[in-house]
Amino acid sequence: MPPTVEIYRRASKMRRALTPPEARLWTQIKGGGLEGLKFRRQHSVGPYILDFYCPAARLAVEVDGATHDDRGQIAHDSRRTAWLKTQGIEVLRIRATDVRDHLDGVLAVILLHATGR
């Protein structure tokens, strides 16, 4: 199922309004800044918008704030992850506080998932 026009519009709007942790991570990974890997921000896949997506690795990186601790959001995230898996996309969830407090470690984990090293 391709993304709808509305999904594309929402993704475009979200690219201009990154959360502070998303913006911090984006400054490190954009333009091949993570060992040459190319990432897209707020990338549409089917009915979903991924925080960051590395096409070469088929890796989605989701930066989760406190709202992702809500029971309803946890269930939604699980369904979303399951659907993305059926599309051959691995989902890596990173806590926003880890981006803020442990950015080097977050980058190392992303690199490990993207390259297997």
PDB file of N, CA and C in Angstrom:
ATOM      1  N   MET A   1       0.836  -1.167   0.000  1.00  0.00           N
ATOM      2  CA  MET A   1       0.000   0.000   0.000  1.00  0.00           C
ATOM      3  C   MET A   1       0.894   1.248   0.000  1.00  0.00           C
ATOM      4  N   PRO A   2       0.825   2.046  -1.053  1.00  0.00           N
ATOM      5  CA  PRO A   2       1.646   3.259  -1.102  1.00  0.00           C
ATOM      6  C   PRO A   2       1.086   4.332  -0.165  1.00  0.00           C
ATOM      7  N   PRO A   3       1.945   5.243   0.272  1.00  0.00           N
ATOM      8  CA  PRO A   3       1.472   6.331   1.133  1.00  0.00           C
ATOM      9  C   PRO A   3       0.456   7.207   0.397  1.00  0.00           C
ATOM     10  N   THR A   4      -0.490   7.750   1.130  1.00  0.00           N
ATOM     11  CA  THR A   4      -1.491   8.644   0.549  1.00  0.00           C
ATOM     12  C   THR A   4      -0.928  10.057   0.452  1.00  0.00           C
ATOM     13  N   VAL A   5      -1.631  10.895  -0.297  1.00  0.00           N
ATOM     14  CA  VAL A   5      -1.236  12.304  -0.409  1.00  0.00           C
ATOM     15  C   VAL A   5      -1.218  12.945   0.976  1.00  0.00           C
ATOM     16  N   GLU A   6      -2.189  12.595   1.810  1.00  0.00           N
ATOM     17  CA  GLU A   6      -2.248  13.157   3.171  1.00  0.00           C
ATOM     18  C   GLU A   6      -1.027  12.746   3.992  1.00  0.00           C
ATOM     19  N   ILE A   7      -0.587  11.506   3.851  1.00  0.00           N
ATOM     20  CA  ILE A   7       0.612  11.049   4.571  1.00  0.00           C
ATOM     21  C   ILE A   7       1.822  11.862   4.113  1.00  0.00           C
ATOM     22  N   TYR A   8       1.960  12.069   2.797  1.00  0.00           N
ATOM     23  CA  TYR A   8       3.079  12.870   2.282  1.00  0.00           C
ATOM     24  C   TYR A   8       3.043  14.290   2.848  1.00  0.00           C
ATOM     25  N   ARG A   9       1.853  14.872   2.920  1.00  0.00           N
ATOM     26  CA  ARG A   9       1.725  16.235   3.462  1.00  0.00           C
ATOM     27  C   ARG A   9       2.117  16.277   4.941  1.00  0.00           C
ATOM     28  N   ARG A  10       1.632  15.291   5.701  1.00  0.00           N
ATOM     29  CA  ARG A  10       1.987  15.238   7.128  1.00  0.00           C
ATOM     30  C   ARG A  10       3.488  15.066   7.312  1.00  0.00           C
ATOM     31  N   ALA A  11       4.103  14.199   6.504  1.00  0.00           N
ATOM     32  CA  ALA A  11       5.551  13.976   6.609  1.00  0.00           C
ATOM     33  C   ALA A  11       6.307  15.260   6.314  1.00  0.00           C
ATOM     34  N   SER A  12       5.879  15.985   5.286  1.00  0.00           N
ATOM     35  CA  SER A  12       6.535  17.248   4.941  1.00  0.00           C
ATOM     36  C   SER A  12       6.430  18.244   6.096  1.00  0.00           C
ATOM     37  N   LYS A  13       5.254  18.335   6.696  1.00  0.00           N
ATOM     38  CA  LYS A  13       5.053  19.231   7.838  1.00  0.00           C
ATOM     39  C   LYS A  13       5.920  18.802   9.021  1.00  0.00           C
ATOM     40  N   MET A  14       5.999  17.496   9.265  1.00  0.00           N
ATOM     41  CA  MET A  14       6.781  16.983  10.393  1.00  0.00           C
ATOM     42  C   MET A  14       8.283  17.216  10.198  1.00  0.00           C
ATOM     43  N   ARG A  15       8.739  17.233   8.943  1.00  0.00           N
ATOM     44  CA  ARG A  15      10.165  17.504   8.690  1.00  0.00           C
ATOM     45  C   ARG A  15      10.552  18.907   9.141  1.00  0.00           C
ATOM     46  N   ARG A  16       9.587  19.815   9.100  1.00  0.00           N
ATOM     47  CA  ARG A  16       9.854  21.197   9.508  1.00  0.00           C
ATOM     48  C   ARG A  16       9.656  21.409  11.011  1.00  0.00           C
ATOM     49  N   ALA A  17       9.222  20.370  11.719  1.00  0.00           N
ATOM     50  CA  ALA A  17       8.915  20.517  13.147  1.00  0.00           C
ATOM     51  C   ALA A  17       9.462  19.339  13.947  1.00  0.00           C
ATOM     52  N   LEU A  18      10.726  19.018  13.747  1.00  0.00           N
ATOM     53  CA  LEU A  18      11.337  17.921  14.497  1.00  0.00           C
ATOM     54  C   LEU A  18      11.350  18.250  15.989  1.00  0.00           C
ATOM     55  N   THR A  19      11.217  17.224  16.811  1.00  0.00           N
ATOM     56  CA  THR A  19      11.378  17.415  18.249  1.00  0.00           C
ATOM     57  C   THR A  19      12.860  17.695  18.520  1.00  0.00           C
ATOM     58  N   PRO A  20      13.206  18.288  19.664  1.00  0.00           N
ATOM     59  CA  PRO A  20      14.628  18.526  19.947  1.00  0.00           C
ATOM     60  C   PRO A  20      15.493  17.262  19.865  1.00  0.00           C
ATOM     61  N   PRO A  21      15.067  16.109  20.410  1.00  0.00           N
ATOM     62  CA  PRO A  21      15.905  14.912  20.259  1.00  0.00           C
ATOM     63  C   PRO A  21      16.043  14.472  18.796  1.00  0.00           C
ATOM     64  N   GLU A  22      14.950  14.568  18.023  1.00  0.00           N
ATOM     65  CA  GLU A  22      15.033  14.218  16.602  1.00  0.00           C
ATOM     66  C   GLU A  22      15.998  15.149  15.878  1.00  0.00           C
ATOM     67  N   ALA A  23      15.914  16.444  16.166  1.00  0.00           N
ATOM     68  CA  ALA A  23      16.805  17.413  15.524  1.00  0.00           C
ATOM     69  C   ALA A  23      18.262  17.136  15.889  1.00  0.00           C
ATOM     70  N   ARG A  24      18.500  16.794  17.134  1.00  0.00           N
ATOM     71  CA  ARG A  24      19.873  16.496  17.575  1.00  0.00           C
ATOM     72  C   ARG A  24      20.422  15.274  16.847  1.00  0.00           C
ATOM     73  N   LEU A  25      19.619  14.227  16.743  1.00  0.00           N
ATOM     74  CA  LEU A  25      20.060  13.028  16.039  1.00  0.00           C
ATOM     75  C   LEU A  25      20.251  13.318  14.553  1.00  0.00           C
ATOM     76  N   TRP A  26      19.337  14.072  13.952  1.00  0.00           N
ATOM     77  CA  TRP A  26      19.423  14.387  12.527  1.00  0.00           C
ATOM     78  C   TRP A  26      20.725  15.121  12.193  1.00  0.00           C
ATOM     79  N   THR A  27      21.154  16.029  13.054  1.00  0.00           N
ATOM     80  CA  THR A  27      22.403  16.749  12.768  1.00  0.00           C
ATOM     81  C   THR A  27      23.590  15.799  12.680  1.00  0.00           C
ATOM     82  N   GLN A  28      23.515  14.656  13.330  1.00  0.00           N
ATOM     83  CA  GLN A  28      24.618  13.692  13.327  1.00  0.00           C
ATOM     84  C   GLN A  28      24.556  12.707  12.165  1.00  0.00           C
ATOM     85  N   ILE A  29      23.357  12.395  11.671  1.00  0.00           N
ATOM     86  CA  ILE A  29      23.242  11.336  10.661  1.00  0.00           C
ATOM     87  C   ILE A  29      22.937  11.856   9.260  1.00  0.00           C
ATOM     88  N   LYS A  30      22.559  13.117   9.126  1.00  0.00           N
ATOM     89  CA  LYS A  30      22.199  13.618   7.797  1.00  0.00           C
ATOM     90  C   LYS A  30      23.423  13.675   6.885  1.00  0.00           C
ATOM     91  N   GLY A  31      23.168  13.614   5.601  1.00  0.00           N
ATOM     92  CA  GLY A  31      24.233  13.748   4.611  1.00  0.00           C
ATOM     93  C   GLY A  31      25.309  12.686   4.699  1.00  0.00           C
ATOM     94  N   GLY A  32      24.956  11.510   5.156  1.00  0.00           N
ATOM     95  CA  GLY A  32      25.952  10.439   5.253  1.00  0.00           C
ATOM     96  C   GLY A  32      26.877  10.588   6.440  1.00  0.00           C
ATOM     97  N   GLY A  33      26.464  11.378   7.437  1.00  0.00           N
ATOM     98  CA  GLY A  33      27.309  11.651   8.592  1.00  0.00           C
ATOM     99  C   GLY A  33      27.602  10.465   9.490  1.00  0.00           C
ATOM    100  N   LEU A  34      26.893   9.368   9.299  1.00  0.00           N
ATOM    101  CA  LEU A  34      27.148   8.164  10.099  1.00  0.00           C
ATOM    102  C   LEU A  34      27.783   7.132   9.170  1.00  0.00           C
ATOM    103  N   GLU A  35      29.095   7.232   9.045  1.00  0.00           N
ATOM    104  CA  GLU A  35      29.885   6.301   8.221  1.00  0.00           C
ATOM    105  C   GLU A  35      29.345   6.168   6.804  1.00  0.00           C
ATOM    106  N   GLY A  36      28.872   7.280   6.242  1.00  0.00           N
ATOM    107  CA  GLY A  36      28.417   7.291   4.860  1.00  0.00           C
ATOM    108  C   GLY A  36      27.009   6.779   4.631  1.00  0.00           C
ATOM    109  N   LEU A  37      26.335   6.310   5.677  1.00  0.00           N
ATOM    110  CA  LEU A  37      24.963   5.816   5.523  1.00  0.00           C
ATOM    111  C   LEU A  37      24.016   6.983   5.262  1.00  0.00           C
ATOM    112  N   LYS A  38      23.135   6.822   4.326  1.00  0.00           N
ATOM    113  CA  LYS A  38      22.152   7.853   3.993  1.00  0.00           C
ATOM    114  C   LYS A  38      20.859   7.579   4.750  1.00  0.00           C
ATOM    115  N   PHE A  39      20.370   8.596   5.415  1.00  0.00           N
ATOM    116  CA  PHE A  39      19.106   8.514   6.140  1.00  0.00           C
ATOM    117  C   PHE A  39      18.141   9.552   5.592  1.00  0.00           C
ATOM    118  N   ARG A  40      16.866   9.241   5.666  1.00  0.00           N
ATOM    119  CA  ARG A  40      15.802  10.187   5.348  1.00  0.00           C
ATOM    120  C   ARG A  40      15.066  10.472   6.648  1.00  0.00           C
ATOM    121  N   ARG A  41      14.590  11.682   6.810  1.00  0.00           N
ATOM    122  CA  ARG A  41      13.824  12.010   8.022  1.00  0.00           C
ATOM    123  C   ARG A  41      12.345  12.112   7.675  1.00  0.00           C
ATOM    124  N   GLN A  42      11.518  11.691   8.608  1.00  0.00           N
ATOM    125  CA  GLN A  42      10.062  11.711   8.449  1.00  0.00           C
ATOM    126  C   GLN A  42       9.683  11.126   7.090  1.00  0.00           C
ATOM    127  N   HIS A  43      10.092   9.888   6.883  1.00  0.00           N
ATOM    128  CA  HIS A  43       9.916   9.186   5.607  1.00  0.00           C
ATOM    129  C   HIS A  43       8.638   8.348   5.622  1.00  0.00           C
ATOM    130  N   SER A  44       7.834   8.461   4.574  1.00  0.00           N
ATOM    131  CA  SER A  44       6.564   7.742   4.466  1.00  0.00           C
ATOM    132  C   SER A  44       6.764   6.330   3.942  1.00  0.00           C
ATOM    133  N   VAL A  45       6.172   5.363   4.644  1.00  0.00           N
ATOM    134  CA  VAL A  45       6.124   3.969   4.198  1.00  0.00           C
ATOM    135  C   VAL A  45       4.704   3.479   4.463  1.00  0.00           C
ATOM    136  N   GLY A  46       3.970   3.180   3.404  1.00  0.00           N
ATOM    137  CA  GLY A  46       2.584   2.759   3.574  1.00  0.00           C
ATOM    138  C   GLY A  46       1.814   3.800   4.366  1.00  0.00           C
ATOM    139  N   PRO A  47       1.081   3.384   5.402  1.00  0.00           N
ATOM    140  CA  PRO A  47       0.289   4.335   6.177  1.00  0.00           C
ATOM    141  C   PRO A  47       1.078   5.034   7.292  1.00  0.00           C
ATOM    142  N   TYR A  48       2.377   4.811   7.351  1.00  0.00           N
ATOM    143  CA  TYR A  48       3.179   5.299   8.476  1.00  0.00           C
ATOM    144  C   TYR A  48       4.241   6.306   8.044  1.00  0.00           C
ATOM    145  N   ILE A  49       4.644   7.125   9.007  1.00  0.00           N
ATOM    146  CA  ILE A  49       5.753   8.060   8.821  1.00  0.00           C
ATOM    147  C   ILE A  49       6.835   7.664   9.813  1.00  0.00           C
ATOM    148  N   LEU A  50       8.008   7.339   9.285  1.00  0.00           N
ATOM    149  CA  LEU A  50       9.134   6.907  10.114  1.00  0.00           C
ATOM    150  C   LEU A  50       9.959   8.122  10.504  1.00  0.00           C
ATOM    151  N   ASP A  51      10.431   8.179  11.752  1.00  0.00           N
ATOM    152  CA  ASP A  51      11.275   9.307  12.159  1.00  0.00           C
ATOM    153  C   ASP A  51      12.491   9.400  11.246  1.00  0.00           C
ATOM    154  N   PHE A  52      13.219   8.293  11.117  1.00  0.00           N
ATOM    155  CA  PHE A  52      14.394   8.232  10.243  1.00  0.00           C
ATOM    156  C   PHE A  52      14.405   6.883   9.545  1.00  0.00           C
ATOM    157  N   TYR A  53      14.884   6.871   8.299  1.00  0.00           N
ATOM    158  CA  TYR A  53      14.911   5.631   7.533  1.00  0.00           C
ATOM    159  C   TYR A  53      16.190   5.560   6.718  1.00  0.00           C
ATOM    160  N   CYS A  54      16.881   4.430   6.823  1.00  0.00           N
ATOM    161  CA  CYS A  54      18.078   4.159   6.031  1.00  0.00           C
ATOM    162  C   CYS A  54      17.689   3.116   4.981  1.00  0.00           C
ATOM    163  N   PRO A  55      17.478   3.534   3.727  1.00  0.00           N
ATOM    164  CA  PRO A  55      17.036   2.588   2.699  1.00  0.00           C
ATOM    165  C   PRO A  55      18.016   1.441   2.463  1.00  0.00           C
ATOM    166  N   ALA A  56      19.305   1.716   2.471  1.00  0.00           N
ATOM    167  CA  ALA A  56      20.299   0.671   2.191  1.00  0.00           C
ATOM    168  C   ALA A  56      20.235  -0.456   3.214  1.00  0.00           C
ATOM    169  N   ALA A  57      19.950  -0.109   4.464  1.00  0.00           N
ATOM    170  CA  ALA A  57      19.885  -1.107   5.539  1.00  0.00           C
ATOM    171  C   ALA A  57      18.450  -1.557   5.828  1.00  0.00           C
ATOM    172  N   ARG A  58      17.479  -0.893   5.186  1.00  0.00           N
ATOM    173  CA  ARG A  58      16.059  -1.151   5.472  1.00  0.00           C
ATOM    174  C   ARG A  58      15.814  -1.050   6.983  1.00  0.00           C
ATOM    175  N   LEU A  59      16.336   0.048   7.546  1.00  0.00           N
ATOM    176  CA  LEU A  59      16.284   0.282   8.987  1.00  0.00           C
ATOM    177  C   LEU A  59      15.514   1.562   9.284  1.00  0.00           C
ATOM    178  N   ALA A  60      14.489   1.440  10.128  1.00  0.00           N
ATOM    179  CA  ALA A  60      13.765   2.596  10.646  1.00  0.00           C
ATOM    180  C   ALA A  60      14.283   2.876  12.046  1.00  0.00           C
ATOM    181  N   VAL A  61      14.551   4.138  12.330  1.00  0.00           N
ATOM    182  CA  VAL A  61      14.970   4.552  13.666  1.00  0.00           C
ATOM    183  C   VAL A  61      13.878   5.463  14.209  1.00  0.00           C
ATOM    184  N   GLU A  62      13.280   5.043  15.301  1.00  0.00           N
ATOM    185  CA  GLU A  62      12.204   5.792  15.932  1.00  0.00           C
ATOM    186  C   GLU A  62      12.701   6.373  17.248  1.00  0.00           C
ATOM    187  N   VAL A  63      12.532   7.676  17.424  1.00  0.00           N
ATOM    188  CA  VAL A  63      12.913   8.350  18.664  1.00  0.00           C
ATOM    189  C   VAL A  63      11.645   8.480  19.502  1.00  0.00           C
ATOM    190  N   ASP A  64      11.596   7.743  20.602  1.00  0.00           N
ATOM    191  CA  ASP A  64      10.391   7.661  21.422  1.00  0.00           C
ATOM    192  C   ASP A  64      10.477   8.554  22.652  1.00  0.00           C
ATOM    193  N   GLY A  65       9.529   9.478  22.752  1.00  0.00           N
ATOM    194  CA  GLY A  65       9.399  10.305  23.941  1.00  0.00           C
ATOM    195  C   GLY A  65       8.490   9.629  24.954  1.00  0.00           C
ATOM    196  N   ALA A  66       8.106  10.365  25.973  1.00  0.00           N
ATOM    197  CA  ALA A  66       7.314   9.814  27.077  1.00  0.00           C
ATOM    198  C   ALA A  66       5.957   9.289  26.628  1.00  0.00           C
ATOM    199  N   THR A  67       5.378   9.844  25.565  1.00  0.00           N
ATOM    200  CA  THR A  67       4.056   9.385  25.120  1.00  0.00           C
ATOM    201  C   THR A  67       4.080   7.920  24.687  1.00  0.00           C
ATOM    202  N   HIS A  68       5.242   7.403  24.351  1.00  0.00           N
ATOM    203  CA  HIS A  68       5.343   6.011  23.914  1.00  0.00           C
ATOM    204  C   HIS A  68       5.284   5.029  25.084  1.00  0.00           C
ATOM    205  N   ASP A  69       5.187   5.542  26.311  1.00  0.00           N
ATOM    206  CA  ASP A  69       5.015   4.686  27.486  1.00  0.00           C
ATOM    207  C   ASP A  69       3.540   4.417  27.784  1.00  0.00           C
ATOM    208  N   ASP A  70       2.648   5.132  27.113  1.00  0.00           N
ATOM    209  CA  ASP A  70       1.210   4.959  27.284  1.00  0.00           C
ATOM    210  C   ASP A  70       0.770   3.613  26.710  1.00  0.00           C
ATOM    211  N   ARG A  71      -0.103   2.912  27.420  1.00  0.00           N
ATOM    212  CA  ARG A  71      -0.541   1.565  27.012  1.00  0.00           C
ATOM    213  C   ARG A  71      -1.093   1.553  25.582  1.00  0.00           C
ATOM    214  N   GLY A  72      -1.930   2.529  25.246  1.00  0.00           N
ATOM    215  CA  GLY A  72      -2.489   2.597  23.898  1.00  0.00           C
ATOM    216  C   GLY A  72      -1.417   2.826  22.848  1.00  0.00           C
ATOM    217  N   GLN A  73      -0.466   3.682  23.167  1.00  0.00           N
ATOM    218  CA  GLN A  73       0.621   3.959  22.226  1.00  0.00           C
ATOM    219  C   GLN A  73       1.523   2.743  22.061  1.00  0.00           C
ATOM    220  N   ILE A  74       1.751   2.015  23.144  1.00  0.00           N
ATOM    221  CA  ILE A  74       2.568   0.791  23.071  1.00  0.00           C
ATOM    222  C   ILE A  74       1.914  -0.210  22.117  1.00  0.00           C
ATOM    223  N   ALA A  75       0.593  -0.366  22.221  1.00  0.00           N
ATOM    224  CA  ALA A  75      -0.125  -1.290  21.334  1.00  0.00           C
ATOM    225  C   ALA A  75      -0.033  -0.824  19.884  1.00  0.00           C
ATOM    226  N   HIS A  76      -0.206   0.479  19.663  1.00  0.00           N
ATOM    227  CA  HIS A  76      -0.094   1.033  18.304  1.00  0.00           C
ATOM    228  C   HIS A  76       1.314   0.804  17.751  1.00  0.00           C
ATOM    229  N   ASP A  77       2.322   1.091  18.562  1.00  0.00           N
ATOM    230  CA  ASP A  77       3.709   0.902  18.119  1.00  0.00           C
ATOM    231  C   ASP A  77       3.986  -0.558  17.776  1.00  0.00           C
ATOM    232  N   SER A  78       3.413  -1.479  18.536  1.00  0.00           N
ATOM    233  CA  SER A  78       3.606  -2.909  18.263  1.00  0.00           C
ATOM    234  C   SER A  78       2.994  -3.304  16.925  1.00  0.00           C
ATOM    235  N   ARG A  79       1.779  -2.823  16.662  1.00  0.00           N
ATOM    236  CA  ARG A  79       1.133  -3.112  15.367  1.00  0.00           C
ATOM    237  C   ARG A  79       1.937  -2.509  14.218  1.00  0.00           C
ATOM    238  N   ARG A  80       2.389  -1.302  14.417  1.00  0.00           N
ATOM    239  CA  ARG A  80       3.174  -0.596  13.400  1.00  0.00           C
ATOM    240  C   ARG A  80       4.469  -1.344  13.107  1.00  0.00           C
ATOM    241  N   THR A  81       5.184  -1.746  14.157  1.00  0.00           N
ATOM    242  CA  THR A  81       6.435  -2.491  14.000  1.00  0.00           C
ATOM    243  C   THR A  81       6.186  -3.809  13.277  1.00  0.00           C
ATOM    244  N   ALA A  82       5.106  -4.494  13.636  1.00  0.00           N
ATOM    245  CA  ALA A  82       4.780  -5.768  12.981  1.00  0.00           C
ATOM    246  C   ALA A  82       4.520  -5.554  11.492  1.00  0.00           C
ATOM    247  N   TRP A  83       3.775  -4.498  11.145  1.00  0.00           N
ATOM    248  CA  TRP A  83       3.496  -4.223   9.737  1.00  0.00           C
ATOM    249  C   TRP A  83       4.784  -3.889   8.990  1.00  0.00           C
ATOM    250  N   LEU A  84       5.619  -3.051   9.578  1.00  0.00           N
ATOM    251  CA  LEU A  84       6.880  -2.684   8.919  1.00  0.00           C
ATOM    252  C   LEU A  84       7.758  -3.914   8.712  1.00  0.00           C
ATOM    253  N   LYS A  85       7.732  -4.828   9.667  1.00  0.00           N
ATOM    254  CA  LYS A  85       8.502  -6.067   9.528  1.00  0.00           C
ATOM    255  C   LYS A  85       8.025  -6.861   8.316  1.00  0.00           C
ATOM    256  N   THR A  86       6.712  -6.864   8.061  1.00  0.00           N
ATOM    257  CA  THR A  86       6.203  -7.572   6.875  1.00  0.00           C
ATOM    258  C   THR A  86       6.698  -6.924   5.587  1.00  0.00           C
ATOM    259  N   GLN A  87       7.129  -5.678   5.682  1.00  0.00           N
ATOM    260  CA  GLN A  87       7.667  -4.965   4.524  1.00  0.00           C
ATOM    261  C   GLN A  87       9.187  -5.094   4.438  1.00  0.00           C
ATOM    262  N   GLY A  88       9.762  -5.882   5.359  1.00  0.00           N
ATOM    263  CA  GLY A  88      11.208  -6.093   5.356  1.00  0.00           C
ATOM    264  C   GLY A  88      11.996  -4.979   6.009  1.00  0.00           C
ATOM    265  N   ILE A  89      11.341  -4.205   6.866  1.00  0.00           N
ATOM    266  CA  ILE A  89      11.987  -3.073   7.534  1.00  0.00           C
ATOM    267  C   ILE A  89      12.168  -3.395   9.013  1.00  0.00           C
ATOM    268  N   GLU A  90      13.410  -3.289   9.485  1.00  0.00           N
ATOM    269  CA  GLU A  90      13.705  -3.444  10.913  1.00  0.00           C
ATOM    270  C   GLU A  90      13.437  -2.111  11.604  1.00  0.00           C
ATOM    271  N   VAL A  91      12.838  -2.165  12.773  1.00  0.00           N
ATOM    272  CA  VAL A  91      12.547  -0.953  13.540  1.00  0.00           C
ATOM    273  C   VAL A  91      13.419  -0.939  14.786  1.00  0.00           C
ATOM    274  N   LEU A  92      14.173   0.136  14.938  1.00  0.00           N
ATOM    275  CA  LEU A  92      15.015   0.347  16.112  1.00  0.00           C
ATOM    276  C   LEU A  92      14.419   1.504  16.902  1.00  0.00           C
ATOM    277  N   ARG A  93      14.024   1.235  18.138  1.00  0.00           N
ATOM    278  CA  ARG A  93      13.435   2.271  18.990  1.00  0.00           C
ATOM    279  C   ARG A  93      14.487   2.802  19.951  1.00  0.00           C
ATOM    280  N   ILE A  94      14.624   4.114  19.950  1.00  0.00           N
ATOM    281  CA  ILE A  94      15.596   4.808  20.797  1.00  0.00           C
ATOM    282  C   ILE A  94      14.818   5.775  21.684  1.00  0.00           C
ATOM    283  N   ARG A  95      15.096   5.777  22.960  1.00  0.00           N
ATOM    284  CA  ARG A  95      14.432   6.715  23.868  1.00  0.00           C
ATOM    285  C   ARG A  95      14.995   8.124  23.646  1.00  0.00           C
ATOM    286  N   ALA A  96      14.113   9.097  23.662  1.00  0.00           N
ATOM    287  CA  ALA A  96      14.522  10.488  23.471  1.00  0.00           C
ATOM    288  C   ALA A  96      15.550  10.905  24.520  1.00  0.00           C
ATOM    289  N   THR A  97      15.398  10.407  25.737  1.00  0.00           N
ATOM    290  CA  THR A  97      16.359  10.754  26.789  1.00  0.00           C
ATOM    291  C   THR A  97      17.750  10.201  26.476  1.00  0.00           C
ATOM    292  N   ASP A  98      17.811   9.060  25.787  1.00  0.00           N
ATOM    293  CA  ASP A  98      19.120   8.519  25.403  1.00  0.00           C
ATOM    294  C   ASP A  98      19.779   9.375  24.329  1.00  0.00           C
ATOM    295  N   VAL A  99      18.982   9.921  23.408  1.00  0.00           N
ATOM    296  CA  VAL A  99      19.546  10.842  22.410  1.00  0.00           C
ATOM    297  C   VAL A  99      20.117  12.057  23.129  1.00  0.00           C
ATOM    298  N   ARG A 100      19.393  12.536  24.116  1.00  0.00           N
ATOM    299  CA  ARG A 100      19.835  13.718  24.866  1.00  0.00           C
ATOM    300  C   ARG A 100      21.080  13.434  25.707  1.00  0.00           C
ATOM    301  N   ASP A 101      21.097  12.281  26.391  1.00  0.00           N
ATOM    302  CA  ASP A 101      22.136  12.022  27.386  1.00  0.00           C
ATOM    303  C   ASP A 101      23.280  11.127  26.918  1.00  0.00           C
ATOM    304  N   HIS A 102      23.054  10.348  25.878  1.00  0.00           N
ATOM    305  CA  HIS A 102      24.055   9.349  25.459  1.00  0.00           C
ATOM    306  C   HIS A 102      24.149   9.263  23.936  1.00  0.00           C
ATOM    307  N   LEU A 103      24.314  10.398  23.280  1.00  0.00           N
ATOM    308  CA  LEU A 103      24.266  10.434  21.819  1.00  0.00           C
ATOM    309  C   LEU A 103      25.299   9.517  21.172  1.00  0.00           C
ATOM    310  N   ASP A 104      26.520   9.485  21.690  1.00  0.00           N
ATOM    311  CA  ASP A 104      27.543   8.619  21.094  1.00  0.00           C
ATOM    312  C   ASP A 104      27.130   7.152  21.144  1.00  0.00           C
ATOM    313  N   GLY A 105      26.552   6.731  22.250  1.00  0.00           N
ATOM    314  CA  GLY A 105      26.076   5.358  22.367  1.00  0.00           C
ATOM    315  C   GLY A 105      24.923   5.073  21.415  1.00  0.00           C
ATOM    316  N   VAL A 106      24.021   6.033  21.252  1.00  0.00           N
ATOM    317  CA  VAL A 106      22.903   5.887  20.316  1.00  0.00           C
ATOM    318  C   VAL A 106      23.432   5.709  18.898  1.00  0.00           C
ATOM    319  N   LEU A 107      24.403   6.531  18.515  1.00  0.00           N
ATOM    320  CA  LEU A 107      24.980   6.422  17.170  1.00  0.00           C
ATOM    321  C   LEU A 107      25.638   5.063  16.963  1.00  0.00           C
ATOM    322  N   ALA A 108      26.308   4.556  17.988  1.00  0.00           N
ATOM    323  CA  ALA A 108      26.950   3.240  17.891  1.00  0.00           C
ATOM    324  C   ALA A 108      25.909   2.138  17.705  1.00  0.00           C
ATOM    325  N   VAL A 109      24.788   2.230  18.410  1.00  0.00           N
ATOM    326  CA  VAL A 109      23.726   1.226  18.285  1.00  0.00           C
ATOM    327  C   VAL A 109      23.100   1.290  16.888  1.00  0.00           C
ATOM    328  N   ILE A 110      22.857   2.488  16.392  1.00  0.00           N
ATOM    329  CA  ILE A 110      22.299   2.628  15.039  1.00  0.00           C
ATOM    330  C   ILE A 110      23.253   2.025  14.019  1.00  0.00           C
ATOM    331  N   LEU A 111      24.531   2.335  14.143  1.00  0.00           N
ATOM    332  CA  LEU A 111      25.528   1.796  13.217  1.00  0.00           C
ATOM    333  C   LEU A 111      25.558   0.273  13.275  1.00  0.00           C
ATOM    334  N   LEU A 112      25.490  -0.277  14.464  1.00  0.00           N
ATOM    335  CA  LEU A 112      25.484  -1.734  14.627  1.00  0.00           C
ATOM    336  C   LEU A 112      24.289  -2.363  13.903  1.00  0.00           C
ATOM    337  N   HIS A 113      23.115  -1.780  14.071  1.00  0.00           N
ATOM    338  CA  HIS A 113      21.920  -2.321  13.417  1.00  0.00           C
ATOM    339  C   HIS A 113      21.957  -2.115  11.907  1.00  0.00           C
ATOM    340  N   ALA A 114      22.535  -1.008  11.465  1.00  0.00           N
ATOM    341  CA  ALA A 114      22.560  -0.710  10.029  1.00  0.00           C
ATOM    342  C   ALA A 114      23.603  -1.524   9.276  1.00  0.00           C
ATOM    343  N   THR A 115      24.689  -1.873   9.952  1.00  0.00           N
ATOM    344  CA  THR A 115      25.793  -2.535   9.241  1.00  0.00           C
ATOM    345  C   THR A 115      26.141  -3.905   9.795  1.00  0.00           C
ATOM    346  N   GLY A 116      25.639  -4.217  10.973  1.00  0.00           N
ATOM    347  CA  GLY A 116      25.980  -5.492  11.595  1.00  0.00           C
ATOM    348  C   GLY A 116      27.367  -5.515  12.194  1.00  0.00           C
ATOM    349  N   ARG A 117      27.952  -4.327  12.397  1.00  0.00           N
ATOM    350  CA  ARG A 117      29.284  -4.279  13.017  1.00  0.00           C
ATOM    351  C   ARG A 117      29.323  -3.294  14.157  1.00  0.00           C
TER     352      ARG A 117
END
